[in-house]
Amino acid sequence: MAWSATAGVTDEGFHARTDDPWWNESSFLTFRIPERDLLAILYFYFRPNQNTAMGGPILLDATSEDLATCRHTGWGWHLPIPAGADMFDFSLANSFACRTVRPQREYRHTYDGAGCAFDLTYTADGPPMVMASSGGGLADFVGDTGEQVTTGHFEQFGVMNGILELDGESIEVVDAGVFRDRSWGPRPVLQAQDKARGALVFARADSGHAFQAWAMSGLPWRDDPILGTTESVASGFYVRDGVVGALTSGTRQVVERAAAGRPVREVVEATDEHGRTLHAEGLVTAGIRWPGIYGDIMAFWCHERWTLDGRDAPGEVQEWIMCRHFARWARGLTA
């Protein structure tokens, strides 16, 4: 597999691909309105060898527990890929659309669904950051091609501005912090997986102060008690005073969970390539148990209020757990 070590403008379009039916071109971005404990997830992917697309928004707040109780659930599944569509230039049959204003810098997202509509523009803080293929975490979800085509993943911070209409209320979105990602390559959705628990955490105080980390359990899932553990940071980025540094080490510890297993409070400590240390404490104020789309995988996807190096930094946590693992824990079978 030729994992891409760069994130050029050409990576914003569809890539040369194999004939693997699981070839996937995907992106999500999340933004948040902290005073409402509201988290918005705009997710879309294309499977060109199947001629199918998925895309749309999910909005959750403190009243949400799962997809059925979200403020809005608008993901359209198994949609046709529109003629002439590209990764960030499309309009799907469910009205979810994206237009490139400036590649890798600015994108407009629109939608008009039952009870929810928006016209929102994302603007990047800076260039995207590439995740190394050896970094674990999300890299594990992209399969090996064994051929001379690139696969890859990168991430980017920024802000969202525009108008969100939700249940008849017009909400002005002003400089809402954004975490954005982009992946491409084979991504099979099969039940027969064997993955350790992992978590993606993100916080952004402003354009010059933010972090993202992927932390992984070092235990086989059958031996992972979920409670009282400490995970190692496998990859991520730290932005301080506008300078970006890749994380080289660190830990994530959930110090409080709800009875149903959802993280409530957590602490992340890490060091980056410049020798700088970060300390972040997160408080989950809203979140859902998301069934996932990767076979035997579920996730707690949550809005989180972080304190990053003593500063308020709105963000999120996505904690990924195999369903077999979570079900075993819920039945009290995990040590």
C-alpha atoms as a PDB file:
ATOM      1  CA  MET A   1       0.000   0.000   0.000  1.00  0.00           C
ATOM      2  CA  ALA A   2       1.345   3.402  -0.972  1.00  0.00           C
ATOM      3  CA  TRP A   3       0.214   5.447   2.020  1.00  0.00           C
ATOM      4  CA  SER A   4       0.325   9.131   1.170  1.00  0.00           C
ATOM      5  CA  ALA A   5       2.789  11.183   3.207  1.00  0.00           C
ATOM      6  CA  THR A   6       1.406  14.457   1.835  1.00  0.00           C
ATOM      7  CA  ALA A   7      -1.944  16.209   1.577  1.00  0.00           C
ATOM      8  CA  GLY A   8      -2.027  18.131  -1.665  1.00  0.00           C
ATOM      9  CA  VAL A   9      -4.915  19.944  -3.302  1.00  0.00           C
ATOM     10  CA  THR A  10      -5.346  17.028  -5.721  1.00  0.00           C
ATOM     11  CA  ASP A  11      -6.272  14.850  -2.740  1.00  0.00           C
ATOM     12  CA  GLU A  12      -9.495  16.849  -2.453  1.00  0.00           C
ATOM     13  CA  GLY A  13     -10.768  15.063  -5.562  1.00  0.00           C
ATOM     14  CA  PHE A  14     -11.479  11.412  -6.255  1.00  0.00           C
ATOM     15  CA  HIS A  15      -8.303   9.332  -6.521  1.00  0.00           C
ATOM     16  CA  ALA A  16      -7.077   6.707  -8.932  1.00  0.00           C
ATOM     17  CA  ARG A  17      -8.355   3.472  -7.440  1.00  0.00           C
ATOM     18  CA  THR A  18      -8.327  -0.295  -7.600  1.00  0.00           C
ATOM     19  CA  ASP A  19     -11.374  -2.328  -8.606  1.00  0.00           C
ATOM     20  CA  ASP A  20     -12.012  -3.248  -4.964  1.00  0.00           C
ATOM     21  CA  PRO A  21     -15.783  -2.814  -4.351  1.00  0.00           C
ATOM     22  CA  TRP A  22     -14.966  -1.404  -0.905  1.00  0.00           C
ATOM     23  CA  TRP A  23     -12.938   1.518  -2.304  1.00  0.00           C
ATOM     24  CA  ASN A  24     -14.015   4.495  -0.202  1.00  0.00           C
ATOM     25  CA  GLU A  25     -13.622   8.275  -0.546  1.00  0.00           C
ATOM     26  CA  SER A  26     -14.839   9.890   2.663  1.00  0.00           C
ATOM     27  CA  SER A  27     -14.845  12.991   4.813  1.00  0.00           C
ATOM     28  CA  PHE A  28     -16.552  14.254   7.914  1.00  0.00           C
ATOM     29  CA  LEU A  29     -16.508  17.516   9.742  1.00  0.00           C
ATOM     30  CA  THR A  30     -17.987  18.365  13.086  1.00  0.00           C
ATOM     31  CA  PHE A  31     -18.815  21.736  14.532  1.00  0.00           C
ATOM     32  CA  ARG A  32     -20.237  22.698  17.869  1.00  0.00           C
ATOM     33  CA  ILE A  33     -22.283  25.413  19.549  1.00  0.00           C
ATOM     34  CA  PRO A  34     -21.095  25.159  23.173  1.00  0.00           C
ATOM     35  CA  GLU A  35     -23.789  27.328  24.748  1.00  0.00           C
ATOM     36  CA  ARG A  36     -26.358  24.807  23.447  1.00  0.00           C
ATOM     37  CA  ASP A  37     -24.239  21.697  24.047  1.00  0.00           C
ATOM     38  CA  LEU A  38     -24.947  21.033  20.375  1.00  0.00           C
ATOM     39  CA  LEU A  39     -22.705  18.906  18.174  1.00  0.00           C
ATOM     40  CA  ALA A  40     -23.257  18.704  14.407  1.00  0.00           C
ATOM     41  CA  ILE A  41     -21.743  15.893  12.355  1.00  0.00           C
ATOM     42  CA  LEU A  42     -21.618  16.318   8.573  1.00  0.00           C
ATOM     43  CA  TYR A  43     -20.458  13.021   7.114  1.00  0.00           C
ATOM     44  CA  PHE A  44     -20.266  11.797   3.551  1.00  0.00           C
ATOM     45  CA  TYR A  45     -18.583   9.054   1.578  1.00  0.00           C
ATOM     46  CA  PHE A  46     -18.550   7.697  -1.939  1.00  0.00           C
ATOM     47  CA  ARG A  47     -18.025   4.097  -3.019  1.00  0.00           C
ATOM     48  CA  PRO A  48     -17.468   4.655  -6.746  1.00  0.00           C
ATOM     49  CA  ASN A  49     -17.067   0.971  -7.593  1.00  0.00           C
ATOM     50  CA  GLN A  50     -20.557   0.406  -6.172  1.00  0.00           C
ATOM     51  CA  ASN A  51     -21.897   3.706  -7.572  1.00  0.00           C
ATOM     52  CA  THR A  52     -23.255   4.548  -4.124  1.00  0.00           C
ATOM     53  CA  ALA A  53     -22.931   7.541  -1.831  1.00  0.00           C
ATOM     54  CA  MET A  54     -23.895   8.372   1.740  1.00  0.00           C
ATOM     55  CA  GLY A  55     -24.182  11.833   3.216  1.00  0.00           C
ATOM     56  CA  GLY A  56     -25.987  14.262   5.443  1.00  0.00           C
ATOM     57  CA  PRO A  57     -26.072  15.768   8.940  1.00  0.00           C
ATOM     58  CA  ILE A  58     -26.645  14.473  12.447  1.00  0.00           C
ATOM     59  CA  LEU A  59     -27.280  17.027  15.201  1.00  0.00           C
ATOM     60  CA  LEU A  60     -27.285  16.082  18.868  1.00  0.00           C
ATOM     61  CA  ASP A  61     -27.526  17.837  22.211  1.00  0.00           C
ATOM     62  CA  ALA A  62     -28.086  16.953  25.866  1.00  0.00           C
ATOM     63  CA  THR A  63     -31.535  15.522  25.045  1.00  0.00           C
ATOM     64  CA  SER A  64     -30.024  12.931  22.673  1.00  0.00           C
ATOM     65  CA  GLU A  65     -29.105   9.359  23.574  1.00  0.00           C
ATOM     66  CA  ASP A  66     -29.042   7.609  20.201  1.00  0.00           C
ATOM     67  CA  LEU A  67     -29.973   8.234  16.574  1.00  0.00           C
ATOM     68  CA  ALA A  68     -33.675   8.008  17.388  1.00  0.00           C
ATOM     69  CA  THR A  69     -33.449  10.874  19.882  1.00  0.00           C
ATOM     70  CA  CYS A  70     -31.063  13.172  18.014  1.00  0.00           C
ATOM     71  CA  ARG A  71     -32.225  16.694  17.242  1.00  0.00           C
ATOM     72  CA  HIS A  72     -31.945  15.722  13.591  1.00  0.00           C
ATOM     73  CA  THR A  73     -30.881  12.559  11.782  1.00  0.00           C
ATOM     74  CA  GLY A  74     -30.357  13.182   8.080  1.00  0.00           C
ATOM     75  CA  TRP A  75     -27.823  10.703   6.776  1.00  0.00           C
ATOM     76  CA  GLY A  76     -28.955   9.383   3.401  1.00  0.00           C
ATOM     77  CA  TRP A  77     -27.826   5.800   2.817  1.00  0.00           C
ATOM     78  CA  HIS A  78     -27.286   4.004  -0.497  1.00  0.00           C
ATOM     79  CA  LEU A  79     -27.775   7.098  -2.639  1.00  0.00           C
ATOM     80  CA  PRO A  80     -26.660   7.167  -6.282  1.00  0.00           C
ATOM     81  CA  ILE A  81     -23.539   9.143  -7.075  1.00  0.00           C
ATOM     82  CA  PRO A  82     -24.737  12.137  -9.113  1.00  0.00           C
ATOM     83  CA  ALA A  83     -23.308  12.605 -12.596  1.00  0.00           C
ATOM     84  CA  GLY A  84     -20.249  14.845 -12.505  1.00  0.00           C
ATOM     85  CA  ALA A  85     -19.853  14.628  -8.720  1.00  0.00           C
ATOM     86  CA  ASP A  86     -16.462  14.973  -7.082  1.00  0.00           C
ATOM     87  CA  MET A  87     -15.418  14.649  -3.468  1.00  0.00           C
ATOM     88  CA  PHE A  88     -16.248  18.215  -2.437  1.00  0.00           C
ATOM     89  CA  ASP A  89     -18.493  19.215  -5.331  1.00  0.00           C
ATOM     90  CA  PHE A  90     -21.800  17.357  -5.281  1.00  0.00           C
ATOM     91  CA  SER A  91     -25.515  17.565  -4.554  1.00  0.00           C
ATOM     92  CA  LEU A  92     -27.050  14.325  -3.277  1.00  0.00           C
ATOM     93  CA  ALA A  93     -30.634  13.196  -3.711  1.00  0.00           C
ATOM     94  CA  ASN A  94     -31.429  14.041  -0.057  1.00  0.00           C
ATOM     95  CA  SER A  95     -30.438  17.727  -0.684  1.00  0.00           C
ATOM     96  CA  PHE A  96     -27.111  17.509   1.155  1.00  0.00           C
ATOM     97  CA  ALA A  97     -24.546  19.368  -0.964  1.00  0.00           C
ATOM     98  CA  CYS A  98     -21.001  20.672  -0.901  1.00  0.00           C
ATOM     99  CA  ARG A  99     -19.172  23.191  -3.068  1.00  0.00           C
ATOM    100  CA  THR A 100     -15.481  24.018  -3.134  1.00  0.00           C
ATOM    101  CA  VAL A 101     -14.785  27.722  -2.671  1.00  0.00           C
ATOM    102  CA  ARG A 102     -11.014  27.390  -2.189  1.00  0.00           C
ATOM    103  CA  PRO A 103      -9.485  23.884  -2.217  1.00  0.00           C
ATOM    104  CA  GLN A 104      -8.364  22.780   1.262  1.00  0.00           C
ATOM    105  CA  ARG A 105      -9.292  26.218   2.610  1.00  0.00           C
ATOM    106  CA  GLU A 106     -13.013  26.912   2.218  1.00  0.00           C
ATOM    107  CA  TYR A 107     -16.113  24.807   1.511  1.00  0.00           C
ATOM    108  CA  ARG A 108     -19.828  25.585   1.473  1.00  0.00           C
ATOM    109  CA  HIS A 109     -22.270  22.989   2.833  1.00  0.00           C
ATOM    110  CA  THR A 110     -26.026  23.209   2.283  1.00  0.00           C
ATOM    111  CA  TYR A 111     -29.018  21.068   3.232  1.00  0.00           C
ATOM    112  CA  ASP A 112     -32.803  21.333   3.334  1.00  0.00           C
ATOM    113  CA  GLY A 113     -34.468  18.500   5.224  1.00  0.00           C
ATOM    114  CA  ALA A 114     -37.532  17.995   7.384  1.00  0.00           C
ATOM    115  CA  GLY A 115     -36.979  20.116  10.488  1.00  0.00           C
ATOM    116  CA  CYS A 116     -33.430  21.089   9.596  1.00  0.00           C
ATOM    117  CA  ALA A 117     -31.765  23.251   6.949  1.00  0.00           C
ATOM    118  CA  PHE A 118     -28.486  25.098   6.724  1.00  0.00           C
ATOM    119  CA  ASP A 119     -26.174  27.178   4.603  1.00  0.00           C
ATOM    120  CA  LEU A 120     -22.745  26.946   6.220  1.00  0.00           C
ATOM    121  CA  THR A 121     -19.208  27.739   5.137  1.00  0.00           C
ATOM    122  CA  TYR A 122     -16.135  26.050   6.559  1.00  0.00           C
ATOM    123  CA  THR A 123     -12.839  27.968   6.628  1.00  0.00           C
ATOM    124  CA  ALA A 124      -9.595  26.229   7.562  1.00  0.00           C
ATOM    125  CA  ASP A 125      -7.230  27.462  10.266  1.00  0.00           C
ATOM    126  CA  GLY A 126      -4.248  26.223   8.261  1.00  0.00           C
ATOM    127  CA  PRO A 127      -2.974  23.400   6.051  1.00  0.00           C
ATOM    128  CA  PRO A 128      -4.153  19.819   6.682  1.00  0.00           C
ATOM    129  CA  MET A 129      -2.110  17.445   8.822  1.00  0.00           C
ATOM    130  CA  VAL A 130      -1.271  13.950   7.559  1.00  0.00           C
ATOM    131  CA  MET A 131      -1.751  10.882   9.716  1.00  0.00           C
ATOM    132  CA  ALA A 132       1.111   8.412   9.364  1.00  0.00           C
ATOM    133  CA  SER A 133       0.220   4.899   8.243  1.00  0.00           C
ATOM    134  CA  SER A 134       1.976   3.482  11.321  1.00  0.00           C
ATOM    135  CA  GLY A 135       0.032   5.686  13.699  1.00  0.00           C
ATOM    136  CA  GLY A 136      -2.758   3.216  14.350  1.00  0.00           C
ATOM    137  CA  GLY A 137      -6.285   4.374  15.013  1.00  0.00           C
ATOM    138  CA  LEU A 138      -8.151   5.477  11.908  1.00  0.00           C
ATOM    139  CA  ALA A 139      -5.362   4.113   9.713  1.00  0.00           C
ATOM    140  CA  ASP A 140      -6.549   0.653  10.772  1.00  0.00           C
ATOM    141  CA  PHE A 141      -9.846   1.191   8.945  1.00  0.00           C
ATOM    142  CA  VAL A 142      -8.165   1.533   5.526  1.00  0.00           C
ATOM    143  CA  GLY A 143      -7.196  -1.722   3.844  1.00  0.00           C
ATOM    144  CA  ASP A 144      -3.982  -2.613   2.034  1.00  0.00           C
ATOM    145  CA  THR A 145      -4.176  -2.368  -1.745  1.00  0.00           C
ATOM    146  CA  GLY A 146      -0.883  -4.012  -2.679  1.00  0.00           C
ATOM    147  CA  GLU A 147      -0.914  -1.843  -5.785  1.00  0.00           C
ATOM    148  CA  GLN A 148       0.549   1.463  -6.953  1.00  0.00           C
ATOM    149  CA  VAL A 149      -2.302   3.693  -5.898  1.00  0.00           C
ATOM    150  CA  THR A 150      -2.266   5.931  -2.871  1.00  0.00           C
ATOM    151  CA  THR A 151      -4.370   5.561   0.212  1.00  0.00           C
ATOM    152  CA  GLY A 152      -4.328   8.021   3.054  1.00  0.00           C
ATOM    153  CA  HIS A 153      -5.862  10.149   5.743  1.00  0.00           C
ATOM    154  CA  PHE A 154      -5.456  13.750   6.862  1.00  0.00           C
ATOM    155  CA  GLU A 155      -7.089  16.099   9.355  1.00  0.00           C
ATOM    156  CA  GLN A 156      -7.683  19.829   9.610  1.00  0.00           C
ATOM    157  CA  PHE A 157      -8.998  22.403  12.085  1.00  0.00           C
ATOM    158  CA  GLY A 158     -11.095  25.461  11.272  1.00  0.00           C
ATOM    159  CA  VAL A 159     -14.353  27.336  11.845  1.00  0.00           C
ATOM    160  CA  MET A 160     -17.921  27.226  10.562  1.00  0.00           C
ATOM    161  CA  ASN A 161     -20.094  30.245   9.812  1.00  0.00           C
ATOM    162  CA  GLY A 162     -23.613  30.615   8.465  1.00  0.00           C
ATOM    163  CA  ILE A 163     -27.238  29.917   9.317  1.00  0.00           C
ATOM    164  CA  LEU A 164     -28.703  26.744  10.808  1.00  0.00           C
ATOM    165  CA  GLU A 165     -32.492  26.269  10.886  1.00  0.00           C
ATOM    166  CA  LEU A 166     -33.519  23.686  13.476  1.00  0.00           C
ATOM    167  CA  ASP A 167     -37.115  22.892  14.415  1.00  0.00           C
ATOM    168  CA  GLY A 168     -38.297  26.309  13.247  1.00  0.00           C
ATOM    169  CA  GLU A 169     -35.551  28.254  15.023  1.00  0.00           C
ATOM    170  CA  SER A 170     -32.908  30.208  13.104  1.00  0.00           C
ATOM    171  CA  ILE A 171     -29.483  29.862  14.718  1.00  0.00           C
ATOM    172  CA  GLU A 172     -26.552  32.014  13.654  1.00  0.00           C
ATOM    173  CA  VAL A 173     -23.369  29.945  13.581  1.00  0.00           C
ATOM    174  CA  VAL A 174     -20.376  32.180  14.282  1.00  0.00           C
ATOM    175  CA  ASP A 175     -16.788  30.897  14.207  1.00  0.00           C
ATOM    176  CA  ALA A 176     -17.859  27.483  15.518  1.00  0.00           C
ATOM    177  CA  GLY A 177     -14.819  25.238  16.001  1.00  0.00           C
ATOM    178  CA  VAL A 178     -14.453  22.515  13.375  1.00  0.00           C
ATOM    179  CA  PHE A 179     -12.603  19.236  13.161  1.00  0.00           C
ATOM    180  CA  ARG A 180     -12.426  17.896   9.594  1.00  0.00           C
ATOM    181  CA  ASP A 181     -10.963  14.720   8.148  1.00  0.00           C
ATOM    182  CA  ARG A 182     -10.416  13.133   4.732  1.00  0.00           C
ATOM    183  CA  SER A 183      -9.710   9.460   3.906  1.00  0.00           C
ATOM    184  CA  TRP A 184      -9.427   7.311   0.818  1.00  0.00           C
ATOM    185  CA  GLY A 185      -8.710   3.659   0.103  1.00  0.00           C
ATOM    186  CA  PRO A 186     -10.414   0.279   0.581  1.00  0.00           C
ATOM    187  CA  ARG A 187     -12.637   0.278   3.682  1.00  0.00           C
ATOM    188  CA  PRO A 188     -14.450  -3.046   4.118  1.00  0.00           C
ATOM    189  CA  VAL A 189     -17.527  -3.107   6.342  1.00  0.00           C
ATOM    190  CA  LEU A 190     -17.441  -6.633   7.722  1.00  0.00           C
ATOM    191  CA  GLN A 191     -18.343  -8.184  11.061  1.00  0.00           C
ATOM    192  CA  ALA A 192     -15.219 -10.320  11.420  1.00  0.00           C
ATOM    193  CA  GLN A 193     -12.914  -7.738  12.969  1.00  0.00           C
ATOM    194  CA  ASP A 194     -10.600  -7.878  15.971  1.00  0.00           C
ATOM    195  CA  LYS A 195      -9.871  -4.347  17.150  1.00  0.00           C
ATOM    196  CA  ALA A 196      -8.806  -2.849  20.430  1.00  0.00           C
ATOM    197  CA  ARG A 197     -10.837   0.023  21.899  1.00  0.00           C
ATOM    198  CA  GLY A 198      -9.761   3.465  20.724  1.00  0.00           C
ATOM    199  CA  ALA A 199     -10.808   7.087  21.086  1.00  0.00           C
ATOM    200  CA  LEU A 200     -10.459  10.209  18.962  1.00  0.00           C
ATOM    201  CA  VAL A 201     -10.509  13.407  21.033  1.00  0.00           C
ATOM    202  CA  PHE A 202     -10.425  17.003  19.823  1.00  0.00           C
ATOM    203  CA  ALA A 203     -10.456  20.471  21.375  1.00  0.00           C
ATOM    204  CA  ARG A 204     -10.013  23.938  19.877  1.00  0.00           C
ATOM    205  CA  ALA A 205      -9.662  27.134  21.896  1.00  0.00           C
ATOM    206  CA  ASP A 206      -8.905  29.253  18.809  1.00  0.00           C
ATOM    207  CA  SER A 207      -6.912  29.058  15.572  1.00  0.00           C
ATOM    208  CA  GLY A 208      -3.621  29.099  17.491  1.00  0.00           C
ATOM    209  CA  HIS A 209      -4.442  26.644  20.274  1.00  0.00           C
ATOM    210  CA  ALA A 210      -5.949  23.187  19.684  1.00  0.00           C
ATOM    211  CA  PHE A 211      -5.215  19.486  19.811  1.00  0.00           C
ATOM    212  CA  GLN A 212      -6.384  16.171  18.399  1.00  0.00           C
ATOM    213  CA  ALA A 213      -5.317  12.753  19.636  1.00  0.00           C
ATOM    214  CA  TRP A 214      -6.072   9.124  18.869  1.00  0.00           C
ATOM    215  CA  ALA A 215      -5.573   6.908  21.937  1.00  0.00           C
ATOM    216  CA  MET A 216      -5.569   3.115  21.832  1.00  0.00           C
ATOM    217  CA  SER A 217      -5.968   0.449  24.487  1.00  0.00           C
ATOM    218  CA  GLY A 218      -2.928  -1.798  24.768  1.00  0.00           C
ATOM    219  CA  LEU A 219      -5.062  -4.717  25.905  1.00  0.00           C
ATOM    220  CA  PRO A 220      -6.752  -7.369  23.763  1.00  0.00           C
ATOM    221  CA  TRP A 221     -10.454  -6.561  23.790  1.00  0.00           C
ATOM    222  CA  ARG A 222     -11.349  -9.692  25.766  1.00  0.00           C
ATOM    223  CA  ASP A 223      -9.073  -8.467  28.581  1.00  0.00           C
ATOM    224  CA  ASP A 224     -10.041  -4.793  28.453  1.00  0.00           C
ATOM    225  CA  PRO A 225     -12.224  -3.879  31.481  1.00  0.00           C
ATOM    226  CA  ILE A 226     -13.063  -0.442  29.994  1.00  0.00           C
ATOM    227  CA  LEU A 227     -13.278   0.998  33.527  1.00  0.00           C
ATOM    228  CA  GLY A 228     -10.181   2.343  35.274  1.00  0.00           C
ATOM    229  CA  THR A 229      -7.829   2.033  32.307  1.00  0.00           C
ATOM    230  CA  THR A 230      -5.244   4.314  30.726  1.00  0.00           C
ATOM    231  CA  GLU A 231      -4.794   4.374  26.944  1.00  0.00           C
ATOM    232  CA  SER A 232      -1.673   5.397  25.031  1.00  0.00           C
ATOM    233  CA  VAL A 233      -1.742   8.186  22.464  1.00  0.00           C
ATOM    234  CA  ALA A 234      -0.955   6.611  19.088  1.00  0.00           C
ATOM    235  CA  SER A 235      -1.106   9.757  16.935  1.00  0.00           C
ATOM    236  CA  GLY A 236      -2.343  13.311  16.868  1.00  0.00           C
ATOM    237  CA  PHE A 237      -1.441  16.997  16.683  1.00  0.00           C
ATOM    238  CA  TYR A 238      -0.942  19.911  19.051  1.00  0.00           C
ATOM    239  CA  VAL A 239      -1.294  23.537  18.008  1.00  0.00           C
ATOM    240  CA  ARG A 240       0.119  26.137  20.381  1.00  0.00           C
ATOM    241  CA  ASP A 241       0.852  29.755  19.505  1.00  0.00           C
ATOM    242  CA  GLY A 242      -0.025  28.809  15.932  1.00  0.00           C
ATOM    243  CA  VAL A 243       2.763  26.189  15.702  1.00  0.00           C
ATOM    244  CA  VAL A 244       1.702  22.644  14.832  1.00  0.00           C
ATOM    245  CA  GLY A 245       3.496  19.649  16.294  1.00  0.00           C
ATOM    246  CA  ALA A 246       2.806  15.943  15.870  1.00  0.00           C
ATOM    247  CA  LEU A 247       2.186  14.129  19.141  1.00  0.00           C
ATOM    248  CA  THR A 248       4.928  11.654  20.010  1.00  0.00           C
ATOM    249  CA  SER A 249       3.641  10.232  23.307  1.00  0.00           C
ATOM    250  CA  GLY A 250       0.863  10.625  25.823  1.00  0.00           C
ATOM    251  CA  THR A 251      -2.049   9.095  27.671  1.00  0.00           C
ATOM    252  CA  ARG A 252      -5.826   9.331  27.847  1.00  0.00           C
ATOM    253  CA  GLN A 253      -7.711   8.344  30.976  1.00  0.00           C
ATOM    254  CA  VAL A 254     -11.477   8.319  31.475  1.00  0.00           C
ATOM    255  CA  VAL A 255     -11.901   9.193  35.145  1.00  0.00           C
ATOM    256  CA  GLU A 256     -15.705   8.986  35.168  1.00  0.00           C
ATOM    257  CA  ARG A 257     -18.258   7.085  33.101  1.00  0.00           C
ATOM    258  CA  ALA A 258     -22.040   7.043  33.146  1.00  0.00           C
ATOM    259  CA  ALA A 259     -23.761   3.819  34.193  1.00  0.00           C
ATOM    260  CA  ALA A 260     -24.344   2.937  30.525  1.00  0.00           C
ATOM    261  CA  GLY A 261     -20.613   3.266  29.779  1.00  0.00           C
ATOM    262  CA  ARG A 262     -20.459   6.681  28.126  1.00  0.00           C
ATOM    263  CA  PRO A 263     -17.425   8.812  29.050  1.00  0.00           C
ATOM    264  CA  VAL A 264     -18.250  11.705  31.385  1.00  0.00           C
ATOM    265  CA  ARG A 265     -14.852  13.109  32.395  1.00  0.00           C
ATOM    266  CA  GLU A 266     -11.431  12.389  30.913  1.00  0.00           C
ATOM    267  CA  VAL A 267      -7.853  13.652  31.035  1.00  0.00           C
ATOM    268  CA  VAL A 268      -5.319  13.760  28.202  1.00  0.00           C
ATOM    269  CA  GLU A 269      -1.629  14.480  28.709  1.00  0.00           C
ATOM    270  CA  ALA A 270       0.800  14.377  25.800  1.00  0.00           C
ATOM    271  CA  THR A 271       4.090  15.587  24.361  1.00  0.00           C
ATOM    272  CA  ASP A 272       4.704  16.734  20.799  1.00  0.00           C
ATOM    273  CA  GLU A 273       7.688  16.644  18.446  1.00  0.00           C
ATOM    274  CA  HIS A 274       8.829  20.061  19.702  1.00  0.00           C
ATOM    275  CA  GLY A 275       9.020  18.840  23.285  1.00  0.00           C
ATOM    276  CA  ARG A 276       5.934  20.797  24.342  1.00  0.00           C
ATOM    277  CA  THR A 277       3.477  19.232  26.781  1.00  0.00           C
ATOM    278  CA  LEU A 278      -0.287  19.602  26.795  1.00  0.00           C
ATOM    279  CA  HIS A 279      -2.761  18.969  29.553  1.00  0.00           C
ATOM    280  CA  ALA A 280      -6.460  18.730  28.734  1.00  0.00           C
ATOM    281  CA  GLU A 281      -9.464  17.880  30.881  1.00  0.00           C
ATOM    282  CA  GLY A 282     -12.776  17.099  29.209  1.00  0.00           C
ATOM    283  CA  LEU A 283     -16.362  17.109  30.455  1.00  0.00           C
ATOM    284  CA  VAL A 284     -18.938  15.411  28.217  1.00  0.00           C
ATOM    285  CA  THR A 285     -22.180  17.398  28.180  1.00  0.00           C
ATOM    286  CA  ALA A 286     -24.054  15.555  25.415  1.00  0.00           C
ATOM    287  CA  GLY A 287     -23.544  12.391  23.433  1.00  0.00           C
ATOM    288  CA  ILE A 288     -25.048   9.394  21.709  1.00  0.00           C
ATOM    289  CA  ARG A 289     -24.294   5.721  21.390  1.00  0.00           C
ATOM    290  CA  TRP A 290     -23.777   5.524  17.654  1.00  0.00           C
ATOM    291  CA  PRO A 291     -24.159   2.145  15.919  1.00  0.00           C
ATOM    292  CA  GLY A 292     -21.336   2.851  13.484  1.00  0.00           C
ATOM    293  CA  ILE A 293     -20.971   1.732   9.890  1.00  0.00           C
ATOM    294  CA  TYR A 294     -17.953  -0.554  10.142  1.00  0.00           C
ATOM    295  CA  GLY A 295     -19.530  -3.906  10.947  1.00  0.00           C
ATOM    296  CA  ASP A 296     -18.984  -4.950  14.567  1.00  0.00           C
ATOM    297  CA  ILE A 297     -18.113  -1.429  15.787  1.00  0.00           C
ATOM    298  CA  MET A 298     -20.051   1.101  17.862  1.00  0.00           C
ATOM    299  CA  ALA A 299     -19.019   4.490  19.203  1.00  0.00           C
ATOM    300  CA  PHE A 300     -19.850   7.016  21.862  1.00  0.00           C
ATOM    301  CA  TRP A 301     -19.876  10.273  19.869  1.00  0.00           C
ATOM    302  CA  CYS A 302     -20.072  13.196  22.270  1.00  0.00           C
ATOM    303  CA  HIS A 303     -19.969  16.964  22.636  1.00  0.00           C
ATOM    304  CA  GLU A 304     -17.297  17.857  25.171  1.00  0.00           C
ATOM    305  CA  ARG A 305     -16.233  20.951  27.069  1.00  0.00           C
ATOM    306  CA  TRP A 306     -12.450  20.841  27.348  1.00  0.00           C
ATOM    307  CA  THR A 307     -10.013  22.838  29.412  1.00  0.00           C
ATOM    308  CA  LEU A 308      -6.810  22.862  27.356  1.00  0.00           C
ATOM    309  CA  ASP A 309      -3.749  24.184  29.164  1.00  0.00           C
ATOM    310  CA  GLY A 310      -6.108  26.166  31.383  1.00  0.00           C
ATOM    311  CA  ARG A 311      -8.187  27.575  28.504  1.00  0.00           C
ATOM    312  CA  ASP A 312     -11.790  26.812  27.510  1.00  0.00           C
ATOM    313  CA  ALA A 313     -11.708  24.704  24.350  1.00  0.00           C
ATOM    314  CA  PRO A 314     -14.948  23.215  22.946  1.00  0.00           C
ATOM    315  CA  GLY A 315     -14.509  19.803  21.356  1.00  0.00           C
ATOM    316  CA  GLU A 316     -15.615  16.198  21.252  1.00  0.00           C
ATOM    317  CA  VAL A 317     -14.777  12.575  21.877  1.00  0.00           C
ATOM    318  CA  GLN A 318     -15.422   9.587  19.658  1.00  0.00           C
ATOM    319  CA  GLU A 319     -14.781   6.372  21.553  1.00  0.00           C
ATOM    320  CA  TRP A 320     -14.811   3.330  19.282  1.00  0.00           C
ATOM    321  CA  ILE A 321     -15.556  -0.122  20.734  1.00  0.00           C
ATOM    322  CA  MET A 322     -16.324  -3.440  19.088  1.00  0.00           C
ATOM    323  CA  CYS A 323     -19.950  -4.351  19.724  1.00  0.00           C
ATOM    324  CA  ARG A 324     -18.856  -7.786  20.984  1.00  0.00           C
ATOM    325  CA  HIS A 325     -16.572  -6.058  23.466  1.00  0.00           C
ATOM    326  CA  PHE A 326     -19.207  -3.617  24.669  1.00  0.00           C
ATOM    327  CA  ALA A 327     -21.894  -6.307  24.941  1.00  0.00           C
ATOM    328  CA  ARG A 328     -19.509  -8.492  26.954  1.00  0.00           C
ATOM    329  CA  TRP A 329     -18.759  -5.564  29.285  1.00  0.00           C
ATOM    330  CA  ALA A 330     -22.450  -4.708  29.652  1.00  0.00           C
ATOM    331  CA  ARG A 331     -23.156  -8.302  30.720  1.00  0.00           C
ATOM    332  CA  GLY A 332     -20.361  -8.085  33.279  1.00  0.00           C
ATOM    333  CA  LEU A 333     -18.191 -10.636  31.482  1.00  0.00           C
ATOM    334  CA  THR A 334     -15.056  -8.545  30.874  1.00  0.00           C
ATOM    335  CA  ALA A 335     -12.423  -8.807  33.585  1.00  0.00           C
END
